[in-house]
Amino acid sequence: MFGLGLPELLVILLIVVVIFGAGKLPQIGEGLGKGIKNFRKAVKEEEDSTAEEDKK
């Protein structure tokens, strides 16, 4: 996964907790999840519209 091992991921998580605090982590995770969901939806819609144009 992008050349990151477990120790690197733990250090990144620790830095995020220090910066934002443990209370904000669920909100950050929710925001990231919604963003990824919207991105996937947009990509799928684009693929669908491209496939429809190819059929014409």
PDB file of N, CA and C in Angstrom:
ATOM      1  N   MET A   1       0.849  -1.178   0.000  1.00  0.00           N
ATOM      2  CA  MET A   1       0.000   0.000   0.000  1.00  0.00           C
ATOM      3  C   MET A   1       0.894   1.240   0.000  1.00  0.00           C
ATOM      4  N   PHE A   2       1.260   1.725  -1.149  1.00  0.00           N
ATOM      5  CA  PHE A   2       2.049   2.936  -1.321  1.00  0.00           C
ATOM      6  C   PHE A   2       3.388   2.869  -0.611  1.00  0.00           C
ATOM      7  N   GLY A   3       3.895   1.669  -0.370  1.00  0.00           N
ATOM      8  CA  GLY A   3       5.189   1.526   0.274  1.00  0.00           C
ATOM      9  C   GLY A   3       5.182   1.879   1.756  1.00  0.00           C
ATOM     10  N   LEU A   4       4.000   1.954   2.366  1.00  0.00           N
ATOM     11  CA  LEU A   4       3.914   2.264   3.787  1.00  0.00           C
ATOM     12  C   LEU A   4       3.676   0.985   4.571  1.00  0.00           C
ATOM     13  N   GLY A   5       4.493   0.788   5.582  1.00  0.00           N
ATOM     14  CA  GLY A   5       4.322  -0.362   6.442  1.00  0.00           C
ATOM     15  C   GLY A   5       3.544   0.015   7.685  1.00  0.00           C
ATOM     16  N   LEU A   6       3.385  -0.945   8.554  1.00  0.00           N
ATOM     17  CA  LEU A   6       2.640  -0.719   9.793  1.00  0.00           C
ATOM     18  C   LEU A   6       3.269   0.370  10.666  1.00  0.00           C
ATOM     19  N   PRO A   7       4.589   0.389  10.842  1.00  0.00           N
ATOM     20  CA  PRO A   7       5.157   1.455  11.692  1.00  0.00           C
ATOM     21  C   PRO A   7       4.888   2.862  11.152  1.00  0.00           C
ATOM     22  N   GLU A   8       4.985   3.028   9.835  1.00  0.00           N
ATOM     23  CA  GLU A   8       4.737   4.336   9.246  1.00  0.00           C
ATOM     24  C   GLU A   8       3.282   4.757   9.437  1.00  0.00           C
ATOM     25  N   LEU A   9       2.352   3.813   9.245  1.00  0.00           N
ATOM     26  CA  LEU A   9       0.934   4.118   9.425  1.00  0.00           C
ATOM     27  C   LEU A   9       0.619   4.489  10.875  1.00  0.00           C
ATOM     28  N   LEU A  10       1.257   3.816  11.815  1.00  0.00           N
ATOM     29  CA  LEU A  10       1.044   4.138  13.231  1.00  0.00           C
ATOM     30  C   LEU A  10       1.562   5.538  13.565  1.00  0.00           C
ATOM     31  N   VAL A  11       2.712   5.911  13.007  1.00  0.00           N
ATOM     32  CA  VAL A  11       3.251   7.250  13.242  1.00  0.00           C
ATOM     33  C   VAL A  11       2.305   8.299  12.668  1.00  0.00           C
ATOM     34  N   ILE A  12       1.786   8.062  11.457  1.00  0.00           N
ATOM     35  CA  ILE A  12       0.845   8.999  10.846  1.00  0.00           C
ATOM     36  C   ILE A  12      -0.414   9.116  11.703  1.00  0.00           C
ATOM     37  N   LEU A  13      -0.947   7.996  12.173  1.00  0.00           N
ATOM     38  CA  LEU A  13      -2.132   8.018  13.030  1.00  0.00           C
ATOM     39  C   LEU A  13      -1.868   8.787  14.321  1.00  0.00           C
ATOM     40  N   LEU A  14      -0.711   8.588  14.915  1.00  0.00           N
ATOM     41  CA  LEU A  14      -0.351   9.298  16.137  1.00  0.00           C
ATOM     42  C   LEU A  14      -0.286  10.807  15.889  1.00  0.00           C
ATOM     43  N   ILE A  15       0.296  11.220  14.780  1.00  0.00           N
ATOM     44  CA  ILE A  15       0.379  12.642  14.450  1.00  0.00           C
ATOM     45  C   ILE A  15      -1.018  13.225  14.256  1.00  0.00           C
ATOM     46  N   VAL A  16      -1.899  12.487  13.575  1.00  0.00           N
ATOM     47  CA  VAL A  16      -3.274  12.958  13.363  1.00  0.00           C
ATOM     48  C   VAL A  16      -4.001  13.106  14.694  1.00  0.00           C
ATOM     49  N   VAL A  17      -3.817  12.163  15.599  1.00  0.00           N
ATOM     50  CA  VAL A  17      -4.470  12.241  16.912  1.00  0.00           C
ATOM     51  C   VAL A  17      -3.953  13.443  17.685  1.00  0.00           C
ATOM     52  N   VAL A  18      -2.661  13.701  17.619  1.00  0.00           N
ATOM     53  CA  VAL A  18      -2.091  14.840  18.338  1.00  0.00           C
ATOM     54  C   VAL A  18      -2.614  16.152  17.762  1.00  0.00           C
ATOM     55  N   ILE A  19      -2.698  16.243  16.436  1.00  0.00           N
ATOM     56  CA  ILE A  19      -3.127  17.492  15.802  1.00  0.00           C
ATOM     57  C   ILE A  19      -4.614  17.751  16.020  1.00  0.00           C
ATOM     58  N   PHE A  20      -5.445  16.761  15.747  1.00  0.00           N
ATOM     59  CA  PHE A  20      -6.895  16.970  15.767  1.00  0.00           C
ATOM     60  C   PHE A  20      -7.555  16.555  17.076  1.00  0.00           C
ATOM     61  N   GLY A  21      -6.940  15.708  17.832  1.00  0.00           N
ATOM     62  CA  GLY A  21      -7.544  15.200  19.053  1.00  0.00           C
ATOM     63  C   GLY A  21      -8.383  13.976  18.767  1.00  0.00           C
ATOM     64  N   ALA A  22      -8.512  13.123  19.749  1.00  0.00           N
ATOM     65  CA  ALA A  22      -9.229  11.862  19.563  1.00  0.00           C
ATOM     66  C   ALA A  22     -10.711  12.081  19.301  1.00  0.00           C
ATOM     67  N   GLY A  23     -11.280  13.159  19.801  1.00  0.00           N
ATOM     68  CA  GLY A  23     -12.708  13.422  19.629  1.00  0.00           C
ATOM     69  C   GLY A  23     -13.089  13.751  18.196  1.00  0.00           C
ATOM     70  N   LYS A  24     -12.166  14.287  17.419  1.00  0.00           N
ATOM     71  CA  LYS A  24     -12.458  14.688  16.039  1.00  0.00           C
ATOM     72  C   LYS A  24     -12.266  13.542  15.044  1.00  0.00           C
ATOM     73  N   LEU A  25     -11.630  12.465  15.443  1.00  0.00           N
ATOM     74  CA  LEU A  25     -11.348  11.374  14.508  1.00  0.00           C
ATOM     75  C   LEU A  25     -12.597  10.787  13.853  1.00  0.00           C
ATOM     76  N   PRO A  26     -13.694  10.560  14.582  1.00  0.00           N
ATOM     77  CA  PRO A  26     -14.891  10.039  13.910  1.00  0.00           C
ATOM     78  C   PRO A  26     -15.431  10.994  12.850  1.00  0.00           C
ATOM     79  N   GLN A  27     -15.370  12.281  13.115  1.00  0.00           N
ATOM     80  CA  GLN A  27     -15.849  13.269  12.145  1.00  0.00           C
ATOM     81  C   GLN A  27     -14.947  13.287  10.910  1.00  0.00           C
ATOM     82  N   ILE A  28     -13.653  13.188  11.120  1.00  0.00           N
ATOM     83  CA  ILE A  28     -12.710  13.157   9.997  1.00  0.00           C
ATOM     84  C   ILE A  28     -12.931  11.900   9.172  1.00  0.00           C
ATOM     85  N   GLY A  29     -13.101  10.765   9.840  1.00  0.00           N
ATOM     86  CA  GLY A  29     -13.356   9.508   9.131  1.00  0.00           C
ATOM     87  C   GLY A  29     -14.652   9.547   8.348  1.00  0.00           C
ATOM     88  N   GLU A  30     -15.675  10.129   8.936  1.00  0.00           N
ATOM     89  CA  GLU A  30     -16.960  10.244   8.245  1.00  0.00           C
ATOM     90  C   GLU A  30     -16.825  11.115   7.000  1.00  0.00           C
ATOM     91  N   GLY A  31     -16.123  12.215   7.136  1.00  0.00           N
ATOM     92  CA  GLY A  31     -15.917  13.110   5.993  1.00  0.00           C
ATOM     93  C   GLY A  31     -15.140  12.432   4.880  1.00  0.00           C
ATOM     94  N   LEU A  32     -14.094  11.700   5.239  1.00  0.00           N
ATOM     95  CA  LEU A  32     -13.319  10.972   4.238  1.00  0.00           C
ATOM     96  C   LEU A  32     -14.162   9.901   3.564  1.00  0.00           C
ATOM     97  N   GLY A  33     -14.958   9.201   4.336  1.00  0.00           N
ATOM     98  CA  GLY A  33     -15.824   8.158   3.775  1.00  0.00           C
ATOM     99  C   GLY A  33     -16.831   8.726   2.792  1.00  0.00           C
ATOM    100  N   LYS A  34     -17.449   9.842   3.149  1.00  0.00           N
ATOM    101  CA  LYS A  34     -18.415  10.475   2.241  1.00  0.00           C
ATOM    102  C   LYS A  34     -17.723  10.963   0.971  1.00  0.00           C
ATOM    103  N   GLY A  35     -16.532  11.504   1.113  1.00  0.00           N
ATOM    104  CA  GLY A  35     -15.794  11.984  -0.045  1.00  0.00           C
ATOM    105  C   GLY A  35     -15.440  10.858  -1.003  1.00  0.00           C
ATOM    106  N   ILE A  36     -14.982   9.739  -0.460  1.00  0.00           N
ATOM    107  CA  ILE A  36     -14.638   8.590  -1.290  1.00  0.00           C
ATOM    108  C   ILE A  36     -15.884   8.035  -1.959  1.00  0.00           C
ATOM    109  N   LYS A  37     -16.991   7.975  -1.220  1.00  0.00           N
ATOM    110  CA  LYS A  37     -18.250   7.472  -1.781  1.00  0.00           C
ATOM    111  C   LYS A  37     -18.712   8.349  -2.945  1.00  0.00           C
ATOM    112  N   ASN A  38     -18.654   9.664  -2.770  1.00  0.00           N
ATOM    113  CA  ASN A  38     -19.059  10.579  -3.835  1.00  0.00           C
ATOM    114  C   ASN A  38     -18.138  10.471  -5.044  1.00  0.00           C
ATOM    115  N   PHE A  39     -16.848  10.290  -4.803  1.00  0.00           N
ATOM    116  CA  PHE A  39     -15.895  10.143  -5.896  1.00  0.00           C
ATOM    117  C   PHE A  39     -16.193   8.884  -6.706  1.00  0.00           C
ATOM    118  N   ARG A  40     -16.418   7.776  -6.018  1.00  0.00           N
ATOM    119  CA  ARG A  40     -16.731   6.519  -6.717  1.00  0.00           C
ATOM    120  C   ARG A  40     -18.028   6.641  -7.505  1.00  0.00           C
ATOM    121  N   LYS A  41     -19.019   7.306  -6.928  1.00  0.00           N
ATOM    122  CA  LYS A  41     -20.301   7.507  -7.603  1.00  0.00           C
ATOM    123  C   LYS A  41     -20.106   8.325  -8.875  1.00  0.00           C
ATOM    124  N   ALA A  42     -19.312   9.382  -8.798  1.00  0.00           N
ATOM    125  CA  ALA A  42     -19.065  10.228  -9.965  1.00  0.00           C
ATOM    126  C   ALA A  42     -18.322   9.458 -11.051  1.00  0.00           C
ATOM    127  N   VAL A  43     -17.353   8.645 -10.668  1.00  0.00           N
ATOM    128  CA  VAL A  43     -16.603   7.849 -11.646  1.00  0.00           C
ATOM    129  C   VAL A  43     -17.528   6.850 -12.319  1.00  0.00           C
ATOM    130  N   LYS A  44     -18.393   6.210 -11.541  1.00  0.00           N
ATOM    131  CA  LYS A  44     -19.320   5.225 -12.115  1.00  0.00           C
ATOM    132  C   LYS A  44     -20.293   5.902 -13.074  1.00  0.00           C
ATOM    133  N   GLU A  45     -20.813   7.066 -12.693  1.00  0.00           N
ATOM    134  CA  GLU A  45     -21.736   7.790 -13.567  1.00  0.00           C
ATOM    135  C   GLU A  45     -21.041   8.181 -14.876  1.00  0.00           C
ATOM    136  N   GLU A  46     -19.781   8.589 -14.784  1.00  0.00           N
ATOM    137  CA  GLU A  46     -19.029   8.966 -15.977  1.00  0.00           C
ATOM    138  C   GLU A  46     -18.823   7.747 -16.882  1.00  0.00           C
ATOM    139  N   GLU A  47     -18.508   6.606 -16.278  1.00  0.00           N
ATOM    140  CA  GLU A  47     -18.334   5.379 -17.069  1.00  0.00           C
ATOM    141  C   GLU A  47     -19.641   4.986 -17.743  1.00  0.00           C
ATOM    142  N   ASP A  48     -20.751   5.109 -17.019  1.00  0.00           N
ATOM    143  CA  ASP A  48     -22.049   4.763 -17.579  1.00  0.00           C
ATOM    144  C   ASP A  48     -22.406   5.687 -18.751  1.00  0.00           C
ATOM    145  N   SER A  49     -22.161   6.980 -18.581  1.00  0.00           N
ATOM    146  CA  SER A  49     -22.499   7.914 -19.663  1.00  0.00           C
ATOM    147  C   SER A  49     -21.583   7.701 -20.864  1.00  0.00           C
ATOM    148  N   THR A  50     -20.345   7.342 -20.643  1.00  0.00           N
ATOM    149  CA  THR A  50     -19.416   7.061 -21.738  1.00  0.00           C
ATOM    150  C   THR A  50     -19.849   5.795 -22.470  1.00  0.00           C
ATOM    151  N   ALA A  51     -20.302   4.781 -21.733  1.00  0.00           N
ATOM    152  CA  ALA A  51     -20.756   3.550 -22.345  1.00  0.00           C
ATOM    153  C   ALA A  51     -22.012   3.798 -23.202  1.00  0.00           C
ATOM    154  N   GLU A  52     -22.899   4.662 -22.727  1.00  0.00           N
ATOM    155  CA  GLU A  52     -24.114   4.987 -23.495  1.00  0.00           C
ATOM    156  C   GLU A  52     -23.760   5.725 -24.776  1.00  0.00           C
ATOM    157  N   GLU A  53     -22.769   6.624 -24.712  1.00  0.00           N
ATOM    158  CA  GLU A  53     -22.363   7.358 -25.905  1.00  0.00           C
ATOM    159  C   GLU A  53     -21.717   6.431 -26.937  1.00  0.00           C
ATOM    160  N   ASP A  54     -20.997   5.429 -26.452  1.00  0.00           N
ATOM    161  CA  ASP A  54     -20.354   4.478 -27.360  1.00  0.00           C
ATOM    162  C   ASP A  54     -21.378   3.628 -28.100  1.00  0.00           C
ATOM    163  N   LYS A  55     -22.522   3.374 -27.464  1.00  0.00           N
ATOM    164  CA  LYS A  55     -23.577   2.567 -28.088  1.00  0.00           C
ATOM    165  C   LYS A  55     -24.252   3.309 -29.232  1.00  0.00           C
ATOM    166  N   LYS A  56     -24.246   4.638 -29.192  1.00  0.00           N
ATOM    167  CA  LYS A  56     -24.952   5.430 -30.193  1.00  0.00           C
ATOM    168  C   LYS A  56     -24.225   5.451 -31.502  1.00  0.00           C
TER     169      LYS A  56
END
